[in-house]
Amino acid sequence: MTEAGFHEGERAVQRRAGTEHDADRLSGMLDRPWLDGGFSRFLAARTFAVLSGRDAAGRLWVSPLAGRAGMLDAHGTVLKVHTVPAAGDPLAGLPTGQPVGLIAIEFALRRRVRINGTLDRVTDKGLVIGVDQAYGNCPQYIQMRELRQVPALRLVPGAGPALAGDSGVRGELSEEDADQIRRSDTFFLGTVHPTRGADCSHRGGPRGLVRVAGNQLWWPDYPGNKMFNSLGNLAVDPTAALLFAGFGSGRVLHLSGTAVTEWGAPGEPGDDGGTGRRVLFTPSAIRSGPPLPVRSHQVAPYHQNPPLT
C-alpha cells in the first residue's frame, strides 16, 4: 500500500515553483480511494486508457488500451481491466507484482482519471490492479476528439487486437518518428518513484508543443493542478517513457529513456506556458507498436492552448 500524501520529489518541485500551499489543499486527492460510485461509473463507460509499466527486462513503457465500454471494471480498491496490451506491444506479457499507472480519458468530454497501484494479476484476457490512488484531473489541454473503432481492427471483448507492430527496438529517432512527434497535439508520460509506485499522465497542447532537437525531445511545462506528480517523480528518479498515439494515422510510437526538468526564466523562447520550466527527454529505446484500433473522428483544440513561442 502506497503512503498517503506528497512524497519528497513532489514537495521539492512544489517549493521551487511556489505552489506548496496550493498543493496542500489538494493533498486529500492522494488518499487511498474507494472506487464505487462516481469513479466506477466513469471508468465503466470508457473505451480508451493508457498504461505505464515495465516489461520483463525492467524497461519502462507506456501503452494504449482500447476496447468496448465495460473494459474498466472498478469496485472498492480493485480495478479489473478486461483487455491487455496487444501482441507486439512492448508491454505485452508484462510481469505481475509491479507498480503501474493508468489513465482513463474521455476526449469528447475532456475528462480523465488517473489510477496508480500494483499489478496483482495478468491473464491473456485482462489485468487486475490493486489501487492505491485514484483521482480526477481538470480538463486543461485535452483536445476534444471523438474516437471510433476501426472495423478491420475490431476488438473481441477481453482480448487485444491480433495484429503485431514492429518489435524492433532502435536507439535513434527516424524522420517518420520526428515528424509524428512534431505533429502531435497529445502524448502520454510515464514516470516512477522508487517506493511510491508508477504514474501515467496526459500532456496536450497545440501541434508542435513537443520539440525535436537531434535525438532528444523537449516540451514546455504548462500551468496545471500544482501537485507536480510527474515532475515530482522525475526529481527523484529520471526514468520516463512516452507514448505518441496517432489518432488520425493509427501509428503508435513508444519511447523509453530518461527525463529531467530544466528551470529557466519565465518568458524565454519556447516557454509557451510562462512557467519557466521545460522537460528534456532522452530516449534509450524507441519502437513502433501495433496499429491503434481507434481513430479520431473529430478534433476541437482546447480553447486555452498556449501559443507556440
Protein backbone atom coordinates (compact mmCIF):
# COMPACT_ATOMS: atom_id res chain seq x y z
CA MET A 1 0.00 0.00 0.00
CA THR A 2 1.34 3.40 -1.01
CA GLU A 3 1.77 6.03 1.68
CA ALA A 4 -0.69 8.91 1.56
CA GLY A 5 0.30 12.49 0.85
CA PHE A 6 3.03 14.01 -1.27
CA HIS A 7 6.47 12.46 -1.45
CA GLU A 8 9.80 14.27 -1.26
CA GLY A 9 10.11 14.85 -5.00
CA GLU A 10 6.68 16.41 -5.33
CA ARG A 11 7.38 18.62 -2.32
CA ALA A 12 10.71 19.77 -3.75
CA VAL A 13 9.13 20.83 -7.06
CA GLN A 14 6.18 22.48 -5.31
CA ARG A 15 8.55 24.54 -3.15
CA ARG A 16 10.63 25.65 -6.12
CA ALA A 17 7.51 26.58 -8.09
CA GLY A 18 5.95 28.33 -5.11
CA THR A 19 2.81 26.18 -5.09
CA GLU A 20 3.22 24.21 -1.84
CA HIS A 21 0.30 25.96 -0.12
CA ASP A 22 -2.00 25.44 -3.12
CA ALA A 23 -1.00 21.77 -3.35
CA ASP A 24 -1.78 21.23 0.34
CA ARG A 25 -5.43 21.95 -0.37
CA LEU A 26 -5.47 19.05 -2.86
CA SER A 27 -3.50 16.52 -0.83
CA GLY A 28 -6.65 14.62 0.11
CA MET A 29 -6.94 13.51 -3.50
CA LEU A 30 -3.99 11.20 -2.86
CA ASP A 31 -5.66 9.30 -0.01
CA ARG A 32 -6.42 5.63 -0.59
CA PRO A 33 -9.59 5.61 -2.70
CA TRP A 34 -12.87 3.72 -2.74
CA LEU A 35 -13.83 3.26 -6.37
CA ASP A 36 -17.55 2.59 -6.11
CA GLY A 37 -19.89 5.38 -7.14
CA GLY A 38 -18.74 8.12 -9.50
CA PHE A 39 -15.32 6.61 -10.21
CA SER A 40 -16.85 3.25 -11.08
CA ARG A 41 -19.47 4.75 -13.39
CA PHE A 42 -16.97 6.94 -15.23
CA LEU A 43 -14.49 4.10 -15.74
CA ALA A 44 -17.19 1.66 -16.88
CA ALA A 45 -18.13 3.95 -19.77
CA ARG A 46 -14.59 4.38 -21.09
CA THR A 47 -13.25 2.77 -24.25
CA PHE A 48 -9.68 4.11 -24.16
CA ALA A 49 -6.99 4.12 -21.47
CA VAL A 50 -3.21 4.26 -21.25
CA LEU A 51 -1.00 2.08 -19.04
CA SER A 52 2.54 2.64 -17.77
CA GLY A 53 4.63 -0.27 -16.50
CA ARG A 54 7.82 -2.25 -17.01
CA ASP A 55 8.47 -5.08 -19.45
CA ALA A 56 10.12 -8.36 -18.48
CA ALA A 57 13.55 -6.73 -18.81
CA GLY A 58 12.58 -3.91 -16.41
CA ARG A 59 12.30 -1.16 -19.02
CA LEU A 60 9.51 1.38 -18.53
CA TRP A 61 6.96 1.83 -21.35
CA VAL A 62 3.58 3.49 -21.90
CA SER A 63 0.97 1.60 -23.92
CA PRO A 64 -2.60 2.17 -25.17
CA LEU A 65 -5.56 0.04 -24.13
CA ALA A 66 -8.74 0.12 -26.20
CA GLY A 67 -11.98 -1.81 -26.14
CA ARG A 68 -15.69 -1.54 -25.65
CA ALA A 69 -17.43 0.20 -22.76
CA GLY A 70 -17.10 -2.02 -19.73
CA MET A 71 -13.44 -2.83 -20.26
CA LEU A 72 -12.66 -0.97 -17.00
CA ASP A 73 -14.46 -2.54 -14.03
CA ALA A 74 -13.73 -0.78 -10.73
CA HIS A 75 -15.07 -1.66 -7.29
CA GLY A 76 -13.65 -1.00 -3.85
CA THR A 77 -9.89 -0.80 -4.26
CA VAL A 78 -9.65 -3.15 -7.26
CA LEU A 79 -9.64 -2.28 -10.96
CA LYS A 80 -10.21 -5.09 -13.44
CA VAL A 81 -9.12 -4.30 -16.98
CA HIS A 82 -10.83 -6.60 -19.47
CA THR A 83 -8.22 -6.23 -22.17
CA VAL A 84 -4.43 -6.47 -22.41
CA PRO A 85 -1.66 -4.75 -24.36
CA ALA A 86 -1.75 -6.05 -27.92
CA ALA A 87 0.62 -8.64 -29.34
CA GLY A 88 3.71 -6.74 -30.45
CA ASP A 89 3.26 -4.03 -27.83
CA PRO A 90 6.27 -3.55 -25.51
CA LEU A 91 4.04 -4.26 -22.50
CA ALA A 92 2.53 -7.46 -23.92
CA GLY A 93 3.00 -10.08 -21.23
CA LEU A 94 4.14 -7.56 -18.61
CA PRO A 95 5.10 -9.16 -15.28
CA THR A 96 2.89 -9.06 -12.19
CA GLY A 97 3.76 -7.65 -8.79
CA GLN A 98 4.97 -4.33 -10.18
CA PRO A 99 3.71 -0.77 -9.71
CA VAL A 100 1.65 0.50 -12.65
CA GLY A 101 -0.08 3.73 -13.57
CA LEU A 102 -3.23 4.02 -15.69
CA ILE A 103 -5.11 7.00 -17.05
CA ALA A 104 -8.64 6.63 -18.38
CA ILE A 105 -9.60 9.50 -20.63
CA GLU A 106 -12.69 10.67 -22.49
CA PHE A 107 -11.52 13.21 -25.04
CA ALA A 108 -15.05 14.19 -26.10
CA LEU A 109 -15.90 15.21 -22.52
CA ARG A 110 -12.41 16.42 -21.62
CA ARG A 111 -12.41 14.25 -18.51
CA ARG A 112 -9.69 11.96 -17.14
CA VAL A 113 -8.99 9.82 -14.10
CA ARG A 114 -5.53 8.67 -13.00
CA ILE A 115 -5.13 5.37 -11.17
CA ASN A 116 -1.92 4.17 -9.51
CA GLY A 117 -1.42 0.81 -7.86
CA THR A 118 0.06 -2.68 -8.10
CA LEU A 119 -0.47 -5.15 -10.93
CA ASP A 120 -1.73 -8.17 -9.00
CA ARG A 121 -2.70 -10.50 -11.83
CA VAL A 122 -2.29 -10.85 -15.61
CA THR A 123 -4.12 -13.30 -17.86
CA ASP A 124 -4.44 -13.50 -21.63
CA LYS A 125 -7.72 -11.61 -21.28
CA GLY A 126 -7.11 -8.94 -18.69
CA LEU A 127 -5.32 -7.28 -15.80
CA VAL A 128 -6.17 -6.87 -12.11
CA ILE A 129 -4.79 -3.79 -10.35
CA GLY A 130 -4.85 -3.18 -6.61
CA VAL A 131 -5.46 0.57 -6.44
CA ASP A 132 -3.59 2.88 -4.09
CA GLN A 133 -4.51 6.23 -5.65
CA ALA A 134 -7.34 7.39 -7.91
CA TYR A 135 -8.13 10.99 -8.69
CA GLY A 136 -9.51 13.14 -11.46
CA ASN A 137 -7.68 15.91 -13.28
CA CYS A 138 -9.05 19.11 -14.76
CA PRO A 139 -9.94 19.39 -18.48
CA GLN A 140 -6.98 21.61 -19.29
CA TYR A 141 -5.15 20.93 -22.56
CA ILE A 142 -7.34 17.98 -23.59
CA GLN A 143 -8.05 18.26 -27.30
CA MET A 144 -11.66 17.26 -27.89
CA ARG A 145 -11.89 14.27 -30.22
CA GLU A 146 -14.37 11.51 -30.88
CA LEU A 147 -12.82 8.07 -31.16
CA ARG A 148 -14.26 5.39 -33.40
CA GLN A 149 -13.22 1.79 -33.73
CA VAL A 150 -11.56 0.66 -36.95
CA PRO A 151 -13.65 -2.23 -38.34
CA ALA A 152 -10.58 -4.14 -39.57
CA LEU A 153 -9.10 -3.96 -36.06
CA ARG A 154 -12.33 -4.58 -34.16
CA LEU A 155 -11.63 -5.92 -30.70
CA VAL A 156 -13.00 -9.10 -29.21
CA PRO A 157 -14.10 -8.42 -25.62
CA GLY A 158 -11.33 -9.40 -23.24
CA ALA A 159 -8.62 -9.61 -25.87
CA GLY A 160 -6.11 -7.37 -27.56
CA PRO A 161 -6.02 -6.94 -31.35
CA ALA A 162 -4.26 -9.70 -33.21
CA LEU A 163 -2.06 -7.50 -35.38
CA ALA A 164 1.52 -7.08 -34.22
CA GLY A 165 3.65 -4.00 -34.72
CA ASP A 166 7.33 -3.56 -35.41
CA SER A 167 9.03 -5.27 -32.48
CA GLY A 168 12.47 -3.90 -33.43
CA VAL A 169 13.93 -1.61 -30.79
CA ARG A 170 16.11 1.26 -32.04
CA GLY A 171 18.08 3.99 -30.34
CA GLU A 172 17.69 6.82 -32.83
CA LEU A 173 14.60 8.71 -33.97
CA SER A 174 13.70 8.21 -37.60
CA GLU A 175 12.38 11.00 -39.79
CA GLU A 176 8.95 9.41 -39.56
CA ASP A 177 9.22 9.40 -35.76
CA ALA A 178 10.28 13.03 -35.61
CA ASP A 179 7.50 14.08 -37.99
CA GLN A 180 4.87 12.29 -35.91
CA ILE A 181 6.13 13.91 -32.72
CA ARG A 182 6.13 17.40 -34.23
CA ARG A 183 2.56 16.99 -35.49
CA SER A 184 1.17 15.61 -32.22
CA ASP A 185 -1.17 17.61 -30.00
CA THR A 186 -1.38 14.86 -27.37
CA PHE A 187 1.03 12.44 -25.72
CA PHE A 188 1.30 10.42 -22.52
CA LEU A 189 4.10 10.43 -19.95
CA GLY A 190 5.04 7.56 -17.64
CA THR A 191 7.19 8.15 -14.55
CA VAL A 192 8.15 6.20 -11.42
CA HIS A 193 9.21 6.68 -7.81
CA PRO A 194 11.39 4.11 -6.01
CA THR A 195 8.87 3.48 -3.23
CA ARG A 196 5.67 5.29 -4.25
CA GLY A 197 4.98 3.49 -7.50
CA ALA A 198 4.30 4.38 -11.12
CA ASP A 199 2.23 7.11 -12.73
CA CYS A 200 0.78 7.83 -16.15
CA SER A 201 -0.26 11.33 -17.17
CA HIS A 202 -1.70 13.12 -20.19
CA ARG A 203 0.01 16.04 -21.90
CA GLY A 204 -1.66 18.17 -24.56
CA GLY A 205 -1.44 21.48 -26.38
CA PRO A 206 -1.16 22.84 -29.91
CA ARG A 207 0.58 20.80 -32.56
CA GLY A 208 4.28 21.41 -32.20
CA LEU A 209 4.32 21.59 -28.41
CA VAL A 210 6.97 18.82 -28.37
CA ARG A 211 10.21 19.95 -29.98
CA VAL A 212 12.70 17.55 -31.53
CA ALA A 213 16.35 18.51 -31.00
CA GLY A 214 18.60 15.88 -32.55
CA ASN A 215 17.76 12.66 -30.75
CA GLN A 216 16.21 14.45 -27.77
CA LEU A 217 12.75 15.88 -27.17
CA TRP A 218 11.62 18.72 -25.00
CA TRP A 219 8.34 20.40 -24.17
CA PRO A 220 7.35 23.38 -22.03
CA ASP A 221 5.59 22.60 -18.76
CA TYR A 222 2.20 24.28 -18.69
CA PRO A 223 0.41 25.55 -15.57
CA GLY A 224 -1.59 22.70 -14.06
CA ASN A 225 -3.01 21.45 -10.79
CA LYS A 226 0.16 22.45 -8.89
CA MET A 227 0.62 18.96 -7.43
CA PHE A 228 3.53 18.05 -9.74
CA ASN A 229 3.06 14.29 -9.60
CA SER A 230 5.06 13.60 -12.77
CA LEU A 231 7.76 16.23 -12.24
CA GLY A 232 7.99 15.16 -8.61
CA ASN A 233 8.75 11.61 -9.68
CA LEU A 234 11.39 12.86 -12.12
CA ALA A 235 13.03 14.85 -9.32
CA VAL A 236 13.76 11.54 -7.57
CA ASP A 237 14.07 9.08 -10.49
CA PRO A 238 14.69 10.24 -14.09
CA THR A 239 13.23 7.07 -15.61
CA ALA A 240 10.50 8.04 -18.07
CA ALA A 241 8.51 6.76 -21.03
CA LEU A 242 6.40 8.45 -23.70
CA LEU A 243 3.54 7.34 -25.93
CA PHE A 244 2.54 9.15 -29.13
CA ALA A 245 -0.68 7.62 -30.43
CA GLY A 246 -1.55 8.63 -33.97
CA PHE A 247 -5.29 9.09 -33.64
CA GLY A 248 -5.50 10.03 -37.31
CA SER A 249 -2.97 7.64 -38.84
CA GLY A 250 -3.10 4.81 -36.32
CA ARG A 251 0.70 4.82 -35.95
CA VAL A 252 1.82 4.17 -32.37
CA LEU A 253 5.24 5.33 -31.19
CA HIS A 254 6.77 4.19 -27.89
CA LEU A 255 9.84 5.79 -26.32
CA SER A 256 11.65 4.77 -23.14
CA GLY A 257 14.51 6.68 -21.54
CA THR A 258 15.13 9.43 -19.01
CA ALA A 259 13.82 12.94 -18.44
CA VAL A 260 14.84 15.97 -16.43
CA THR A 261 13.07 19.21 -15.55
CA GLU A 262 15.02 22.28 -16.63
CA TRP A 263 14.32 25.59 -14.89
CA GLY A 264 14.82 28.93 -16.58
CA ALA A 265 13.38 32.42 -16.63
CA PRO A 266 9.65 32.70 -17.41
CA GLY A 267 9.02 34.09 -20.87
CA GLU A 268 12.13 32.73 -22.55
CA PRO A 269 11.69 31.47 -26.15
CA GLY A 270 9.84 28.17 -26.05
CA ASP A 271 8.36 28.82 -22.62
CA ASP A 272 4.85 28.66 -24.05
CA GLY A 273 3.13 28.24 -20.69
CA GLY A 274 5.09 31.03 -18.99
CA THR A 275 6.20 28.81 -16.10
CA GLY A 276 9.96 28.90 -16.70
CA ARG A 277 10.01 25.09 -16.78
CA ARG A 278 10.57 22.59 -19.53
CA VAL A 279 11.14 18.83 -19.62
CA LEU A 280 14.03 17.36 -21.61
CA PHE A 281 13.64 13.70 -22.60
CA THR A 282 16.45 11.47 -23.86
CA PRO A 283 15.32 8.15 -25.37
CA SER A 284 17.33 4.98 -24.92
CA ALA A 285 14.83 2.69 -26.68
CA ILE A 286 12.34 3.52 -29.43
CA ARG A 287 9.88 1.22 -31.13
CA SER A 288 6.67 1.23 -33.11
CA GLY A 289 3.64 -0.52 -31.72
CA PRO A 290 0.66 -2.35 -33.22
CA PRO A 291 -1.77 -0.10 -35.12
CA LEU A 292 -4.11 1.84 -32.86
CA PRO A 293 -7.54 0.16 -33.12
CA VAL A 294 -9.34 3.51 -32.79
CA ARG A 295 -9.19 6.69 -34.83
CA SER A 296 -10.14 10.27 -34.15
CA HIS A 297 -13.43 11.26 -35.77
CA GLN A 298 -13.37 14.93 -34.81
CA VAL A 299 -10.92 17.32 -33.17
CA ALA A 300 -11.58 20.64 -31.43
CA PRO A 301 -8.47 22.18 -29.82
CA TYR A 302 -8.61 23.13 -26.18
CA HIS A 303 -9.62 26.80 -26.16
CA GLN A 304 -6.75 27.91 -23.89
CA ASN A 305 -3.86 26.09 -25.53
CA PRO A 306 -0.84 28.40 -25.12
CA PRO A 307 0.52 29.65 -28.47
CA LEU A 308 3.93 28.39 -29.54
CA THR A 309 6.71 30.89 -28.88
